PDB file of N, CA and C in Angstrom:
ATOM      1  N   UNK A   1     -43.342  -6.040 -23.405  1.00  0.00           N
ATOM      2  CA  UNK A   1     -42.004  -5.513 -23.364  1.00  0.00           C
ATOM      3  C   UNK A   1     -41.042  -6.631 -22.982  1.00  0.00           C
ATOM      4  N   UNK A   2     -39.985  -6.804 -23.755  1.00  0.00           N
ATOM      5  CA  UNK A   2     -39.028  -7.876 -23.541  1.00  0.00           C
ATOM      6  C   UNK A   2     -37.763  -7.314 -22.901  1.00  0.00           C
ATOM      7  N   UNK A   3     -37.306  -8.000 -21.878  1.00  0.00           N
ATOM      8  CA  UNK A   3     -36.058  -7.604 -21.217  1.00  0.00           C
ATOM      9  C   UNK A   3     -34.910  -8.251 -21.956  1.00  0.00           C
ATOM     10  N   UNK A   4     -34.023  -7.467 -22.523  1.00  0.00           N
ATOM     11  CA  UNK A   4     -32.909  -8.001 -23.296  1.00  0.00           C
ATOM     12  C   UNK A   4     -31.590  -7.905 -22.546  1.00  0.00           C
ATOM     13  N   UNK A   5     -31.642  -7.717 -21.249  1.00  0.00           N
ATOM     14  CA  UNK A   5     -30.415  -7.626 -20.444  1.00  0.00           C
ATOM     15  C   UNK A   5     -29.702  -8.969 -20.465  1.00  0.00           C
ATOM     16  N   UNK A   6     -28.404  -8.916 -20.580  1.00  0.00           N
ATOM     17  CA  UNK A   6     -27.585 -10.124 -20.598  1.00  0.00           C
ATOM     18  C   UNK A   6     -26.935 -10.328 -19.232  1.00  0.00           C
ATOM     19  N   UNK A   7     -26.735 -11.582 -18.910  1.00  0.00           N
ATOM     20  CA  UNK A   7     -25.958 -11.914 -17.719  1.00  0.00           C
ATOM     21  C   UNK A   7     -24.507 -11.908 -18.144  1.00  0.00           C
ATOM     22  N   UNK A   8     -23.697 -11.130 -17.462  1.00  0.00           N
ATOM     23  CA  UNK A   8     -22.279 -11.071 -17.800  1.00  0.00           C
ATOM     24  C   UNK A   8     -21.444 -11.608 -16.651  1.00  0.00           C
ATOM     25  N   UNK A   9     -20.276 -12.070 -17.032  1.00  0.00           N
ATOM     26  CA  UNK A   9     -19.374 -12.594 -16.012  1.00  0.00           C
ATOM     27  C   UNK A   9     -18.883 -11.471 -15.113  1.00  0.00           C
ATOM     28  N   UNK A  10     -18.716 -11.801 -13.872  1.00  0.00           N
ATOM     29  CA  UNK A  10     -18.175 -10.878 -12.894  1.00  0.00           C
ATOM     30  C   UNK A  10     -17.325 -11.738 -11.968  1.00  0.00           C
ATOM     31  N   UNK A  11     -16.096 -11.396 -11.808  1.00  0.00           N
ATOM     32  CA  UNK A  11     -15.170 -12.252 -11.079  1.00  0.00           C
ATOM     33  C   UNK A  11     -14.967 -11.828  -9.631  1.00  0.00           C
ATOM     34  N   UNK A  12     -15.859 -10.986  -9.122  1.00  0.00           N
ATOM     35  CA  UNK A  12     -15.767 -10.529  -7.745  1.00  0.00           C
ATOM     36  C   UNK A  12     -16.409 -11.546  -6.810  1.00  0.00           C
ATOM     37  N   UNK A  13     -15.718 -11.817  -5.727  1.00  0.00           N
ATOM     38  CA  UNK A  13     -16.221 -12.675  -4.656  1.00  0.00           C
ATOM     39  C   UNK A  13     -16.213 -11.828  -3.389  1.00  0.00           C
ATOM     40  N   UNK A  14     -17.298 -11.902  -2.623  1.00  0.00           N
ATOM     41  CA  UNK A  14     -17.322 -11.117  -1.391  1.00  0.00           C
ATOM     42  C   UNK A  14     -18.114 -11.812  -0.305  1.00  0.00           C
ATOM     43  N   UNK A  15     -17.851 -11.399   0.909  1.00  0.00           N
ATOM     44  CA  UNK A  15     -18.591 -11.872   2.080  1.00  0.00           C
ATOM     45  C   UNK A  15     -18.766 -10.676   3.004  1.00  0.00           C
ATOM     46  N   UNK A  16     -19.955 -10.575   3.582  1.00  0.00           N
ATOM     47  CA  UNK A  16     -20.237  -9.501   4.539  1.00  0.00           C
ATOM     48  C   UNK A  16     -20.627 -10.133   5.866  1.00  0.00           C
ATOM     49  N   UNK A  17     -20.052  -9.605   6.949  1.00  0.00           N
ATOM     50  CA  UNK A  17     -20.263 -10.147   8.289  1.00  0.00           C
ATOM     51  C   UNK A  17     -20.804  -9.077   9.231  1.00  0.00           C
ATOM     52  N   UNK A  18     -21.650  -9.486  10.164  1.00  0.00           N
ATOM     53  CA  UNK A  18     -22.067  -8.589  11.237  1.00  0.00           C
ATOM     54  C   UNK A  18     -20.822  -8.078  11.934  1.00  0.00           C
ATOM     55  N   UNK A  19     -20.803  -6.804  12.263  1.00  0.00           N
ATOM     56  CA  UNK A  19     -19.653  -6.234  12.942  1.00  0.00           C
ATOM     57  C   UNK A  19     -19.485  -6.832  14.328  1.00  0.00           C
ATOM     58  N   UNK A  20     -18.260  -6.927  14.765  1.00  0.00           N
ATOM     59  CA  UNK A  20     -17.977  -7.463  16.086  1.00  0.00           C
ATOM     60  C   UNK A  20     -16.617  -8.139  16.113  1.00  0.00           C
ATOM     61  N   UNK A  21     -16.303  -8.713  17.250  1.00  0.00           N
ATOM     62  CA  UNK A  21     -14.988  -9.322  17.448  1.00  0.00           C
ATOM     63  C   UNK A  21     -14.729 -10.474  16.478  1.00  0.00           C
ATOM     64  N   UNK A  22     -15.722 -11.333  16.260  1.00  0.00           N
ATOM     65  CA  UNK A  22     -15.534 -12.461  15.341  1.00  0.00           C
ATOM     66  C   UNK A  22     -15.228 -11.957  13.930  1.00  0.00           C
ATOM     67  N   UNK A  23     -15.982 -10.981  13.467  1.00  0.00           N
ATOM     68  CA  UNK A  23     -15.764 -10.435  12.122  1.00  0.00           C
ATOM     69  C   UNK A  23     -14.375  -9.820  12.013  1.00  0.00           C
ATOM     70  N   UNK A  24     -13.940  -9.154  13.056  1.00  0.00           N
ATOM     71  CA  UNK A  24     -12.610  -8.546  13.057  1.00  0.00           C
ATOM     72  C   UNK A  24     -11.524  -9.615  12.958  1.00  0.00           C
ATOM     73  N   UNK A  25     -11.659 -10.670  13.722  1.00  0.00           N
ATOM     74  CA  UNK A  25     -10.677 -11.759  13.711  1.00  0.00           C
ATOM     75  C   UNK A  25     -10.658 -12.452  12.351  1.00  0.00           C
ATOM     76  N   UNK A  26     -11.838 -12.742  11.805  1.00  0.00           N
ATOM     77  CA  UNK A  26     -11.922 -13.390  10.496  1.00  0.00           C
ATOM     78  C   UNK A  26     -11.310 -12.484   9.429  1.00  0.00           C
ATOM     79  N   UNK A  27     -11.588 -11.199   9.483  1.00  0.00           N
ATOM     80  CA  UNK A  27     -11.034 -10.249   8.518  1.00  0.00           C
ATOM     81  C   UNK A  27      -9.516 -10.240   8.557  1.00  0.00           C
ATOM     82  N   UNK A  28      -8.954 -10.185   9.759  1.00  0.00           N
ATOM     83  CA  UNK A  28      -7.498 -10.170   9.899  1.00  0.00           C
ATOM     84  C   UNK A  28      -6.881 -11.460   9.380  1.00  0.00           C
ATOM     85  N   UNK A  29      -7.506 -12.595   9.670  1.00  0.00           N
ATOM     86  CA  UNK A  29      -7.014 -13.880   9.184  1.00  0.00           C
ATOM     87  C   UNK A  29      -7.032 -13.915   7.660  1.00  0.00           C
ATOM     88  N   UNK A  30      -8.127 -13.467   7.069  1.00  0.00           N
ATOM     89  CA  UNK A  30      -8.250 -13.498   5.615  1.00  0.00           C
ATOM     90  C   UNK A  30      -7.262 -12.544   4.951  1.00  0.00           C
ATOM     91  N   UNK A  31      -6.947 -11.427   5.597  1.00  0.00           N
ATOM     92  CA  UNK A  31      -5.940 -10.519   5.060  1.00  0.00           C
ATOM     93  C   UNK A  31      -4.575 -11.186   5.033  1.00  0.00           C
ATOM     94  N   UNK A  32      -4.282 -12.003   6.027  1.00  0.00           N
ATOM     95  CA  UNK A  32      -3.019 -12.744   6.039  1.00  0.00           C
ATOM     96  C   UNK A  32      -2.978 -13.787   4.930  1.00  0.00           C
ATOM     97  N   UNK A  33      -4.126 -14.420   4.660  1.00  0.00           N
ATOM     98  CA  UNK A  33      -4.183 -15.500   3.672  1.00  0.00           C
ATOM     99  C   UNK A  33      -4.318 -15.008   2.238  1.00  0.00           C
ATOM    100  N   UNK A  34      -4.951 -13.859   2.047  1.00  0.00           N
ATOM    101  CA  UNK A  34      -5.232 -13.327   0.708  1.00  0.00           C
ATOM    102  C   UNK A  34      -4.721 -11.887   0.612  1.00  0.00           C
ATOM    103  N   UNK A  35      -3.502 -11.701   0.135  1.00  0.00           N
ATOM    104  CA  UNK A  35      -2.923 -10.352   0.078  1.00  0.00           C
ATOM    105  C   UNK A  35      -3.738  -9.353  -0.749  1.00  0.00           C
ATOM    106  N   UNK A  36      -4.507  -9.829  -1.725  1.00  0.00           N
ATOM    107  CA  UNK A  36      -5.258  -8.905  -2.578  1.00  0.00           C
ATOM    108  C   UNK A  36      -6.670  -8.606  -2.063  1.00  0.00           C
ATOM    109  N   UNK A  37      -7.023  -9.133  -0.900  1.00  0.00           N
ATOM    110  CA  UNK A  37      -8.374  -8.920  -0.367  1.00  0.00           C
ATOM    111  C   UNK A  37      -8.543  -7.473   0.092  1.00  0.00           C
ATOM    112  N   UNK A  38      -9.740  -6.962  -0.099  1.00  0.00           N
ATOM    113  CA  UNK A  38     -10.085  -5.622   0.381  1.00  0.00           C
ATOM    114  C   UNK A  38     -11.068  -5.793   1.532  1.00  0.00           C
ATOM    115  N   UNK A  39     -10.726  -5.236   2.677  1.00  0.00           N
ATOM    116  CA  UNK A  39     -11.592  -5.303   3.855  1.00  0.00           C
ATOM    117  C   UNK A  39     -12.079  -3.891   4.156  1.00  0.00           C
ATOM    118  N   UNK A  40     -13.405  -3.762   4.252  1.00  0.00           N
ATOM    119  CA  UNK A  40     -14.000  -2.467   4.576  1.00  0.00           C
ATOM    120  C   UNK A  40     -14.822  -2.617   5.846  1.00  0.00           C
ATOM    121  N   UNK A  41     -14.592  -1.707   6.779  1.00  0.00           N
ATOM    122  CA  UNK A  41     -15.315  -1.710   8.047  1.00  0.00           C
ATOM    123  C   UNK A  41     -16.383  -0.625   8.000  1.00  0.00           C
ATOM    124  N   UNK A  42     -17.648  -1.042   8.002  1.00  0.00           N
ATOM    125  CA  UNK A  42     -18.758  -0.107   7.953  1.00  0.00           C
ATOM    126  C   UNK A  42     -19.425   0.053   9.322  1.00  0.00           C
ATOM    127  N   UNK A  43     -18.718  -0.349  10.371  1.00  0.00           N
ATOM    128  CA  UNK A  43     -19.260  -0.233  11.719  1.00  0.00           C
ATOM    129  C   UNK A  43     -20.174  -1.395  12.056  1.00  0.00           C
ATOM    130  N   UNK A  44     -21.345  -1.426  11.449  1.00  0.00           N
ATOM    131  CA  UNK A  44     -22.299  -2.495  11.752  1.00  0.00           C
ATOM    132  C   UNK A  44     -21.987  -3.786  11.001  1.00  0.00           C
ATOM    133  N   UNK A  45     -21.152  -3.690   9.966  1.00  0.00           N
ATOM    134  CA  UNK A  45     -20.740  -4.894   9.255  1.00  0.00           C
ATOM    135  C   UNK A  45     -19.382  -4.687   8.605  1.00  0.00           C
ATOM    136  N   UNK A  46     -18.743  -5.801   8.250  1.00  0.00           N
ATOM    137  CA  UNK A  46     -17.470  -5.779   7.536  1.00  0.00           C
ATOM    138  C   UNK A  46     -17.655  -6.469   6.207  1.00  0.00           C
ATOM    139  N   UNK A  47     -17.049  -5.906   5.172  1.00  0.00           N
ATOM    140  CA  UNK A  47     -17.111  -6.478   3.833  1.00  0.00           C
ATOM    141  C   UNK A  47     -15.718  -6.924   3.407  1.00  0.00           C
ATOM    142  N   UNK A  48     -15.616  -8.154   2.946  1.00  0.00           N
ATOM    143  CA  UNK A  48     -14.376  -8.710   2.423  1.00  0.00           C
ATOM    144  C   UNK A  48     -14.605  -8.968   0.946  1.00  0.00           C
ATOM    145  N   UNK A  49     -13.741  -8.422   0.083  1.00  0.00           N
ATOM    146  CA  UNK A  49     -13.917  -8.543  -1.357  1.00  0.00           C
ATOM    147  C   UNK A  49     -12.593  -8.889  -2.010  1.00  0.00           C
ATOM    148  N   UNK A  50     -12.668  -9.775  -2.995  1.00  0.00           N
ATOM    149  CA  UNK A  50     -11.494 -10.163  -3.769  1.00  0.00           C
ATOM    150  C   UNK A  50     -11.946 -10.423  -5.207  1.00  0.00           C
ATOM    151  N   UNK A  51     -11.073 -10.162  -6.156  1.00  0.00           N
ATOM    152  CA  UNK A  51     -11.396 -10.408  -7.563  1.00  0.00           C
ATOM    153  C   UNK A  51     -10.628 -11.613  -8.083  1.00  0.00           C
ATOM    154  N   UNK A  52     -11.359 -12.499  -8.759  1.00  0.00           N
ATOM    155  CA  UNK A  52     -10.737 -13.619  -9.447  1.00  0.00           C
ATOM    156  C   UNK A  52     -10.202 -14.727  -8.569  1.00  0.00           C
ATOM    157  N   UNK A  53     -10.537 -14.721  -7.311  1.00  0.00           N
ATOM    158  CA  UNK A  53     -10.086 -15.773  -6.394  1.00  0.00           C
ATOM    159  C   UNK A  53     -11.281 -16.302  -5.617  1.00  0.00           C
ATOM    160  N   UNK A  54     -11.111 -17.484  -5.063  1.00  0.00           N
ATOM    161  CA  UNK A  54     -12.125 -17.977  -4.144  1.00  0.00           C
ATOM    162  C   UNK A  54     -11.670 -17.688  -2.723  1.00  0.00           C
ATOM    163  N   UNK A  55     -12.629 -17.586  -1.836  1.00  0.00           N
ATOM    164  CA  UNK A  55     -12.331 -17.390  -0.420  1.00  0.00           C
ATOM    165  C   UNK A  55     -12.662 -18.679   0.312  1.00  0.00           C
ATOM    166  N   UNK A  56     -11.687 -19.205   1.015  1.00  0.00           N
ATOM    167  CA  UNK A  56     -11.896 -20.429   1.798  1.00  0.00           C
ATOM    168  C   UNK A  56     -11.799 -20.052   3.272  1.00  0.00           C
ATOM    169  N   UNK A  57     -12.898 -20.251   3.973  1.00  0.00           N
ATOM    170  CA  UNK A  57     -12.954 -19.983   5.412  1.00  0.00           C
ATOM    171  C   UNK A  57     -12.858 -21.321   6.127  1.00  0.00           C
ATOM    172  N   UNK A  58     -11.701 -21.598   6.697  1.00  0.00           N
ATOM    173  CA  UNK A  58     -11.450 -22.858   7.389  1.00  0.00           C
ATOM    174  C   UNK A  58     -11.760 -22.675   8.876  1.00  0.00           C
ATOM    175  N   UNK A  59     -12.697 -23.455   9.377  1.00  0.00           N
ATOM    176  CA  UNK A  59     -13.141 -23.288  10.767  1.00  0.00           C
ATOM    177  C   UNK A  59     -12.022 -23.593  11.756  1.00  0.00           C
ATOM    178  N   UNK A  60     -11.124 -24.515  11.430  1.00  0.00           N
ATOM    179  CA  UNK A  60      -9.989 -24.812  12.308  1.00  0.00           C
ATOM    180  C   UNK A  60      -9.064 -23.613  12.453  1.00  0.00           C
ATOM    181  N   UNK A  61      -8.780 -22.946  11.335  1.00  0.00           N
ATOM    182  CA  UNK A  61      -7.933 -21.752  11.378  1.00  0.00           C
ATOM    183  C   UNK A  61      -8.602 -20.627  12.152  1.00  0.00           C
ATOM    184  N   UNK A  62      -9.903 -20.470  11.928  1.00  0.00           N
ATOM    185  CA  UNK A  62     -10.637 -19.421  12.648  1.00  0.00           C
ATOM    186  C   UNK A  62     -10.661 -19.727  14.141  1.00  0.00           C
ATOM    187  N   UNK A  63     -10.909 -20.985  14.504  1.00  0.00           N
ATOM    188  CA  UNK A  63     -10.932 -21.392  15.916  1.00  0.00           C
ATOM    189  C   UNK A  63      -9.587 -21.108  16.584  1.00  0.00           C
ATOM    190  N   UNK A  64      -8.509 -21.382  15.862  1.00  0.00           N
ATOM    191  CA  UNK A  64      -7.173 -21.126  16.412  1.00  0.00           C
ATOM    192  C   UNK A  64      -6.976 -19.640  16.704  1.00  0.00           C
ATOM    193  N   UNK A  65      -7.432 -18.784  15.796  1.00  0.00           N
ATOM    194  CA  UNK A  65      -7.304 -17.340  15.988  1.00  0.00           C
ATOM    195  C   UNK A  65      -8.216 -16.830  17.103  1.00  0.00           C
ATOM    196  N   UNK A  66      -9.418 -17.383  17.198  1.00  0.00           N
ATOM    197  CA  UNK A  66     -10.369 -16.953  18.225  1.00  0.00           C
ATOM    198  C   UNK A  66      -9.973 -17.484  19.599  1.00  0.00           C
ATOM    199  N   UNK A  67      -9.373 -18.678  19.618  1.00  0.00           N
ATOM    200  CA  UNK A  67      -8.946 -19.262  20.883  1.00  0.00           C
ATOM    201  C   UNK A  67      -9.977 -20.181  21.506  1.00  0.00           C
ATOM    202  N   UNK A  68     -10.989 -20.566  20.730  1.00  0.00           N
ATOM    203  CA  UNK A  68     -11.995 -21.514  21.208  1.00  0.00           C
ATOM    204  C   UNK A  68     -12.625 -22.203  19.995  1.00  0.00           C
ATOM    205  N   UNK A  69     -13.425 -23.208  20.263  1.00  0.00           N
ATOM    206  CA  UNK A  69     -14.073 -23.950  19.179  1.00  0.00           C
ATOM    207  C   UNK A  69     -14.897 -23.002  18.312  1.00  0.00           C
ATOM    208  N   UNK A  70     -14.891 -23.260  17.012  1.00  0.00           N
ATOM    209  CA  UNK A  70     -15.656 -22.431  16.069  1.00  0.00           C
ATOM    210  C   UNK A  70     -16.176 -23.348  14.980  1.00  0.00           C
ATOM    211  N   UNK A  71     -17.473 -23.252  14.710  1.00  0.00           N
ATOM    212  CA  UNK A  71     -18.111 -24.164  13.769  1.00  0.00           C
ATOM    213  C   UNK A  71     -18.697 -23.415  12.577  1.00  0.00           C
ATOM    214  N   UNK A  72     -19.086 -24.170  11.581  1.00  0.00           N
ATOM    215  CA  UNK A  72     -19.771 -23.602  10.420  1.00  0.00           C
ATOM    216  C   UNK A  72     -21.033 -22.875  10.871  1.00  0.00           C
ATOM    217  N   UNK A  73     -21.728 -23.427  11.845  1.00  0.00           N
ATOM    218  CA  UNK A  73     -22.934 -22.786  12.374  1.00  0.00           C
ATOM    219  C   UNK A  73     -22.621 -21.412  12.959  1.00  0.00           C
ATOM    220  N   UNK A  74     -21.530 -21.306  13.718  1.00  0.00           N
ATOM    221  CA  UNK A  74     -21.102 -20.009  14.257  1.00  0.00           C
ATOM    222  C   UNK A  74     -20.828 -19.020  13.127  1.00  0.00           C
ATOM    223  N   UNK A  75     -20.139 -19.503  12.107  1.00  0.00           N
ATOM    224  CA  UNK A  75     -19.788 -18.667  10.959  1.00  0.00           C
ATOM    225  C   UNK A  75     -21.040 -18.172  10.249  1.00  0.00           C
ATOM    226  N   UNK A  76     -21.966 -19.073   9.969  1.00  0.00           N
ATOM    227  CA  UNK A  76     -23.186 -18.695   9.247  1.00  0.00           C
ATOM    228  C   UNK A  76     -24.047 -17.719  10.042  1.00  0.00           C
ATOM    229  N   UNK A  77     -23.916 -17.739  11.358  1.00  0.00           N
ATOM    230  CA  UNK A  77     -24.692 -16.827  12.204  1.00  0.00           C
ATOM    231  C   UNK A  77     -24.268 -15.371  12.011  1.00  0.00           C
ATOM    232  N   UNK A  78     -23.024 -15.124  11.588  1.00  0.00           N
ATOM    233  CA  UNK A  78     -22.574 -13.739  11.387  1.00  0.00           C
ATOM    234  C   UNK A  78     -22.410 -13.378   9.915  1.00  0.00           C
ATOM    235  N   UNK A  79     -22.547 -14.358   9.008  1.00  0.00           N
ATOM    236  CA  UNK A  79     -22.465 -14.085   7.574  1.00  0.00           C
ATOM    237  C   UNK A  79     -23.780 -13.455   7.125  1.00  0.00           C
ATOM    238  N   UNK A  80     -23.732 -12.185   6.761  1.00  0.00           N
ATOM    239  CA  UNK A  80     -24.935 -11.445   6.381  1.00  0.00           C
ATOM    240  C   UNK A  80     -25.283 -11.701   4.918  1.00  0.00           C
ATOM    241  N   UNK A  81     -24.290 -11.638   4.053  1.00  0.00           N
ATOM    242  CA  UNK A  81     -24.516 -11.916   2.639  1.00  0.00           C
ATOM    243  C   UNK A  81     -23.184 -12.281   1.993  1.00  0.00           C
ATOM    244  N   UNK A  82     -23.296 -12.767   0.752  1.00  0.00           N
ATOM    245  CA  UNK A  82     -22.091 -13.127   0.015  1.00  0.00           C
ATOM    246  C   UNK A  82     -22.372 -12.955  -1.463  1.00  0.00           C
ATOM    247  N   UNK A  83     -21.304 -12.884  -2.250  1.00  0.00           N
ATOM    248  CA  UNK A  83     -21.413 -12.820  -3.700  1.00  0.00           C
ATOM    249  C   UNK A  83     -20.530 -13.904  -4.275  1.00  0.00           C
ATOM    250  N   UNK A  84     -21.122 -14.780  -5.055  1.00  0.00           N
ATOM    251  CA  UNK A  84     -20.413 -15.902  -5.657  1.00  0.00           C
ATOM    252  C   UNK A  84     -21.170 -17.179  -5.388  1.00  0.00           C
ATOM    253  N   UNK A  85     -20.576 -18.279  -5.771  1.00  0.00           N
ATOM    254  CA  UNK A  85     -21.132 -19.597  -5.464  1.00  0.00           C
ATOM    255  C   UNK A  85     -20.591 -20.023  -4.114  1.00  0.00           C
ATOM    256  N   UNK A  86     -21.463 -20.528  -3.250  1.00  0.00           N
ATOM    257  CA  UNK A  86     -21.029 -20.923  -1.911  1.00  0.00           C
ATOM    258  C   UNK A  86     -21.082 -22.437  -1.773  1.00  0.00           C
ATOM    259  N   UNK A  87     -20.064 -22.979  -1.132  1.00  0.00           N
ATOM    260  CA  UNK A  87     -19.990 -24.404  -0.837  1.00  0.00           C
ATOM    261  C   UNK A  87     -19.810 -24.526   0.675  1.00  0.00           C
ATOM    262  N   UNK A  88     -20.829 -25.044   1.337  1.00  0.00           N
ATOM    263  CA  UNK A  88     -20.795 -25.191   2.793  1.00  0.00           C
ATOM    264  C   UNK A  88     -20.419 -26.625   3.120  1.00  0.00           C
ATOM    265  N   UNK A  89     -19.266 -26.796   3.739  1.00  0.00           N
ATOM    266  CA  UNK A  89     -18.804 -28.112   4.141  1.00  0.00           C
ATOM    267  C   UNK A  89     -18.937 -28.287   5.643  1.00  0.00           C
ATOM    268  N   UNK A  90     -18.440 -29.409   6.141  1.00  0.00           N
ATOM    269  CA  UNK A  90     -18.495 -29.675   7.573  1.00  0.00           C
ATOM    270  C   UNK A  90     -17.548 -28.782   8.364  1.00  0.00           C
ATOM    271  N   UNK A  91     -16.371 -28.496   7.789  1.00  0.00           N
ATOM    272  CA  UNK A  91     -15.344 -27.741   8.507  1.00  0.00           C
ATOM    273  C   UNK A  91     -14.837 -26.516   7.752  1.00  0.00           C
ATOM    274  N   UNK A  92     -15.501 -26.181   6.654  1.00  0.00           N
ATOM    275  CA  UNK A  92     -15.070 -25.005   5.895  1.00  0.00           C
ATOM    276  C   UNK A  92     -16.217 -24.485   5.041  1.00  0.00           C
ATOM    277  N   UNK A  93     -16.068 -23.243   4.631  1.00  0.00           N
ATOM    278  CA  UNK A  93     -16.994 -22.622   3.691  1.00  0.00           C
ATOM    279  C   UNK A  93     -16.144 -21.980   2.611  1.00  0.00           C
ATOM    280  N   UNK A  94     -16.499 -22.256   1.363  1.00  0.00           N
ATOM    281  CA  UNK A  94     -15.790 -21.691   0.224  1.00  0.00           C
ATOM    282  C   UNK A  94     -16.770 -20.861  -0.589  1.00  0.00           C
ATOM    283  N   UNK A  95     -16.364 -19.649  -0.920  1.00  0.00           N
ATOM    284  CA  UNK A  95     -17.143 -18.803  -1.820  1.00  0.00           C
ATOM    285  C   UNK A  95     -16.305 -18.652  -3.077  1.00  0.00           C
ATOM    286  N   UNK A  96     -16.876 -19.104  -4.207  1.00  0.00           N
ATOM    287  CA  UNK A  96     -16.155 -19.150  -5.478  1.00  0.00           C
ATOM    288  C   UNK A  96     -16.728 -18.152  -6.470  1.00  0.00           C
ATOM    289  N   UNK A  97     -15.933 -17.854  -7.480  1.00  0.00           N
ATOM    290  CA  UNK A  97     -16.370 -16.985  -8.569  1.00  0.00           C
ATOM    291  C   UNK A  97     -17.588 -17.611  -9.229  1.00  0.00           C
ATOM    292  N   UNK A  98     -18.611 -16.792  -9.465  1.00  0.00           N
ATOM    293  CA  UNK A  98     -19.800 -17.236 -10.195  1.00  0.00           C
ATOM    294  C   UNK A  98     -19.612 -16.845 -11.648  1.00  0.00           C
ATOM    295  N   UNK A  99     -19.535 -17.821 -12.530  1.00  0.00           N
ATOM    296  CA  UNK A  99     -19.410 -17.571 -13.954  1.00  0.00           C
ATOM    297  C   UNK A  99     -20.482 -18.397 -14.670  1.00  0.00           C
ATOM    298  N   UNK A 100     -21.596 -17.757 -15.024  1.00  0.00           N
ATOM    299  CA  UNK A 100     -22.675 -18.504 -15.679  1.00  0.00           C
ATOM    300  C   UNK A 100     -22.249 -19.052 -17.027  1.00  0.00           C
ATOM    301  N   UNK A 101     -22.801 -20.197 -17.376  1.00  0.00           N
ATOM    302  CA  UNK A 101     -22.520 -20.815 -18.669  1.00  0.00           C
ATOM    303  C   UNK A 101     -23.272 -20.034 -19.754  1.00  0.00           C
ATOM    304  N   UNK A 102     -22.599 -19.771 -20.878  1.00  0.00           N
ATOM    305  CA  UNK A 102     -23.298 -19.075 -21.957  1.00  0.00           C
ATOM    306  C   UNK A 102     -24.466 -19.911 -22.476  1.00  0.00           C
ATOM    307  N   UNK A 103     -25.525 -19.234 -22.879  1.00  0.00           N
ATOM    308  CA  UNK A 103     -26.703 -19.962 -23.378  1.00  0.00           C
ATOM    309  C   UNK A 103     -26.694 -20.040 -24.869  1.00  0.00           C
TER     310      UNK A 103
END
């Protein structure tokens, strides 16, 4: 039996975080930066979703909002899952639209 399912483009980018104060602060910051973002609070986790845009999580901006040092390691500790291509830098994390190349 052959699977003939095709990979199709999907322009949704999302990030899910463990629920808590850090997730709340990051969510509020991202709402200020991305007017079209959808934030859903599921109690145990928060989901941030946007269509057709990339999400850039700048650790300096997050640290300023939290009021103390904040690193990529801190961020990754509460990032439960994501949708898109992820680029982990020294001071930021970017989640971009995943658009596979046609075969």
